[in-house]
């Protein structure tokens, strides 16, 4: 089998100013880098190449070091928030571990909210479930061709139908 062409994955997000109009040339360039590295491509290889302003990869990166550092710190903060787990207790039940915070994709005001509070409010619950479902569908797209996960595909489709059904 051979690669016929390249596209960006559905829902791919890039920094403002990224030249997204020619995914095929981006894919071809990354594949060339892979071949130059004897089939083993690393993110460092990509960044090294992208430093050249003439590289088709250049526009996909933030080259202002101050801005890049701030974006990286925000990414680190997101990871930190996502890594916190709360242990909930009740007198009548065993302790339960849960993510402490969930991302609420409120248009124009994305934020994190304490998980049990977010899930107790209809509006934020829908946002959290929608994001989780979108991530699950993305996982399905990435791994649907792996035979080892074939049994999960119908389960994901059933969940999608149940969650997406009008209430």
Protein backbone atom coordinates (compact mmCIF):
# COMPACT_ATOMS: atom_id res chain seq x y z
CA UNK A 1 0.00 0.00 0.00
CA UNK A 2 1.23 3.52 -0.72
CA UNK A 3 0.18 7.00 0.37
CA UNK A 4 -1.88 8.73 -2.32
CA UNK A 5 -2.12 12.13 -0.61
CA UNK A 6 -2.24 13.85 2.76
CA UNK A 7 -4.99 15.79 4.54
CA UNK A 8 -5.28 17.33 7.97
CA UNK A 9 -7.33 15.27 10.39
CA UNK A 10 -10.90 16.34 11.03
CA UNK A 11 -10.99 18.87 13.85
CA UNK A 12 -7.23 19.56 13.73
CA UNK A 13 -6.38 22.82 15.49
CA UNK A 14 -3.48 25.05 14.56
CA UNK A 15 -2.13 28.33 15.78
CA UNK A 16 -3.43 31.53 14.15
CA UNK A 17 -1.58 32.24 10.90
CA UNK A 18 -0.83 28.61 10.10
CA UNK A 19 -1.00 28.00 6.35
CA UNK A 20 -3.64 25.28 6.32
CA UNK A 21 -4.44 25.58 2.61
CA UNK A 22 -2.08 22.83 1.41
CA UNK A 23 -2.10 19.86 3.76
CA UNK A 24 -0.66 17.63 1.05
CA UNK A 25 2.61 19.58 0.82
CA UNK A 26 2.84 19.62 4.64
CA UNK A 27 2.34 15.86 4.76
CA UNK A 28 4.83 15.29 1.94
CA UNK A 29 7.41 17.44 3.71
CA UNK A 30 6.95 15.62 7.02
CA UNK A 31 7.23 12.30 5.19
CA UNK A 32 10.46 13.49 3.56
CA UNK A 33 11.80 14.32 7.04
CA UNK A 34 10.77 10.83 8.20
CA UNK A 35 12.66 9.25 5.30
CA UNK A 36 15.72 11.40 6.03
CA UNK A 37 15.61 10.05 9.58
CA UNK A 38 15.49 6.43 8.38
CA UNK A 39 11.79 6.08 9.18
CA UNK A 40 11.97 7.39 12.75
CA UNK A 41 10.58 10.92 12.93
CA UNK A 42 10.63 12.94 16.17
CA UNK A 43 8.98 16.25 17.12
CA UNK A 44 12.50 17.68 17.47
CA UNK A 45 13.15 16.84 13.79
CA UNK A 46 10.00 18.71 12.79
CA UNK A 47 10.77 21.80 14.90
CA UNK A 48 14.35 21.87 13.65
CA UNK A 49 13.15 21.89 10.05
CA UNK A 50 10.35 24.39 10.76
CA UNK A 51 12.86 26.97 12.07
CA UNK A 52 13.67 27.71 8.43
CA UNK A 53 11.21 30.42 7.29
CA UNK A 54 11.05 28.72 3.87
CA UNK A 55 9.87 25.42 5.34
CA UNK A 56 6.20 24.60 4.67
CA UNK A 57 6.04 23.79 8.41
CA UNK A 58 7.25 27.21 9.61
CA UNK A 59 3.81 28.88 9.92
CA UNK A 60 2.52 26.11 12.19
CA UNK A 61 4.74 27.28 15.05
CA UNK A 62 4.92 30.36 17.25
CA UNK A 63 8.38 31.88 16.77
CA UNK A 64 8.07 34.72 19.27
CA UNK A 65 9.80 33.10 22.25
CA UNK A 66 7.87 35.13 24.81
CA UNK A 67 4.52 34.21 23.29
CA UNK A 68 5.58 30.57 22.82
CA UNK A 69 6.66 30.42 26.46
CA UNK A 70 3.29 31.79 27.59
CA UNK A 71 1.41 29.29 25.40
CA UNK A 72 3.53 26.47 26.83
CA UNK A 73 2.81 27.60 30.40
CA UNK A 74 -0.91 27.65 29.62
CA UNK A 75 -0.60 24.10 28.26
CA UNK A 76 1.24 23.07 31.42
CA UNK A 77 -1.53 24.67 33.52
CA UNK A 78 -4.18 22.71 31.57
CA UNK A 79 -2.24 19.52 32.24
CA UNK A 80 -1.92 20.35 35.91
CA UNK A 81 -5.65 21.04 36.27
CA UNK A 82 -6.49 17.79 34.44
CA UNK A 83 -4.16 15.78 36.67
CA UNK A 84 -5.85 16.65 39.97
CA UNK A 85 -8.07 13.91 41.39
CA UNK A 86 -10.51 14.43 44.24
CA UNK A 87 -11.50 11.77 46.74
CA UNK A 88 -15.20 12.20 47.51
CA UNK A 89 -16.60 10.71 50.68
CA UNK A 90 -20.04 10.08 52.12
CA UNK A 91 -20.91 8.37 55.35
CA UNK A 92 -23.12 5.83 53.58
CA UNK A 93 -20.70 4.84 50.77
CA UNK A 94 -17.05 4.06 50.16
CA UNK A 95 -14.73 6.86 49.03
CA UNK A 96 -14.75 7.52 45.28
CA UNK A 97 -11.88 8.97 43.21
CA UNK A 98 -12.86 11.30 40.36
CA UNK A 99 -11.26 13.96 38.26
CA UNK A 100 -11.52 17.09 40.38
CA UNK A 101 -12.09 19.43 37.44
CA UNK A 102 -13.63 19.07 34.00
CA UNK A 103 -13.27 21.32 31.00
CA UNK A 104 -16.39 23.27 30.11
CA UNK A 105 -16.30 24.36 26.46
CA UNK A 106 -18.52 27.39 26.99
CA UNK A 107 -18.25 29.42 23.74
CA UNK A 108 -16.15 32.50 24.43
CA UNK A 109 -15.50 31.53 28.05
CA UNK A 110 -13.90 28.09 28.17
CA UNK A 111 -12.95 27.13 31.70
CA UNK A 112 -12.63 24.29 34.20
CA UNK A 113 -15.24 23.60 36.83
CA UNK A 114 -15.37 21.27 39.80
CA UNK A 115 -16.54 17.99 38.28
CA UNK A 116 -19.52 17.14 40.49
CA UNK A 117 -20.84 20.71 40.20
CA UNK A 118 -20.46 20.72 36.40
CA UNK A 119 -22.24 17.38 36.14
CA UNK A 120 -25.09 18.52 38.39
CA UNK A 121 -26.04 21.42 36.10
CA UNK A 122 -27.89 20.50 32.90
CA UNK A 123 -26.14 23.07 30.66
CA UNK A 124 -22.58 22.29 31.76
CA UNK A 125 -23.30 18.55 31.92
CA UNK A 126 -24.30 18.65 28.24
CA UNK A 127 -21.07 20.52 27.38
CA UNK A 128 -18.90 18.05 29.29
CA UNK A 129 -20.67 15.03 27.76
CA UNK A 130 -20.44 16.55 24.27
CA UNK A 131 -16.69 17.08 24.65
CA UNK A 132 -16.20 13.56 26.02
CA UNK A 133 -18.21 12.13 23.13
CA UNK A 134 -16.22 14.16 20.60
CA UNK A 135 -12.98 12.83 22.12
CA UNK A 136 -14.34 9.28 22.00
CA UNK A 137 -15.34 9.67 18.35
CA UNK A 138 -11.86 11.06 17.64
CA UNK A 139 -10.35 8.00 19.33
CA UNK A 140 -12.57 5.80 17.15
CA UNK A 141 -11.39 7.59 13.98
CA UNK A 142 -7.74 7.14 14.98
CA UNK A 143 -7.95 3.47 15.93
CA UNK A 144 -10.89 2.03 13.95
CA UNK A 145 -8.54 0.14 11.65
CA UNK A 146 -6.84 -1.77 14.47
CA UNK A 147 -8.46 -5.19 14.62
CA UNK A 148 -7.73 -5.45 18.34
CA UNK A 149 -10.26 -2.67 19.01
CA UNK A 150 -12.94 -3.77 16.53
CA UNK A 151 -15.34 -4.83 19.32
CA UNK A 152 -15.35 -1.29 20.74
CA UNK A 153 -16.55 0.43 17.56
CA UNK A 154 -20.23 -0.67 17.83
CA UNK A 155 -20.23 0.26 21.54
CA UNK A 156 -18.93 3.75 20.72
CA UNK A 157 -21.55 4.11 17.97
CA UNK A 158 -24.31 3.06 20.38
CA UNK A 159 -23.11 5.56 23.00
CA UNK A 160 -22.99 8.29 20.35
CA UNK A 161 -26.57 7.54 19.35
CA UNK A 162 -27.79 7.48 22.97
CA UNK A 163 -26.06 10.70 23.98
CA UNK A 164 -26.97 12.51 20.75
CA UNK A 165 -30.64 11.48 20.84
CA UNK A 166 -33.04 14.38 21.42
CA UNK A 167 -34.30 14.56 24.97
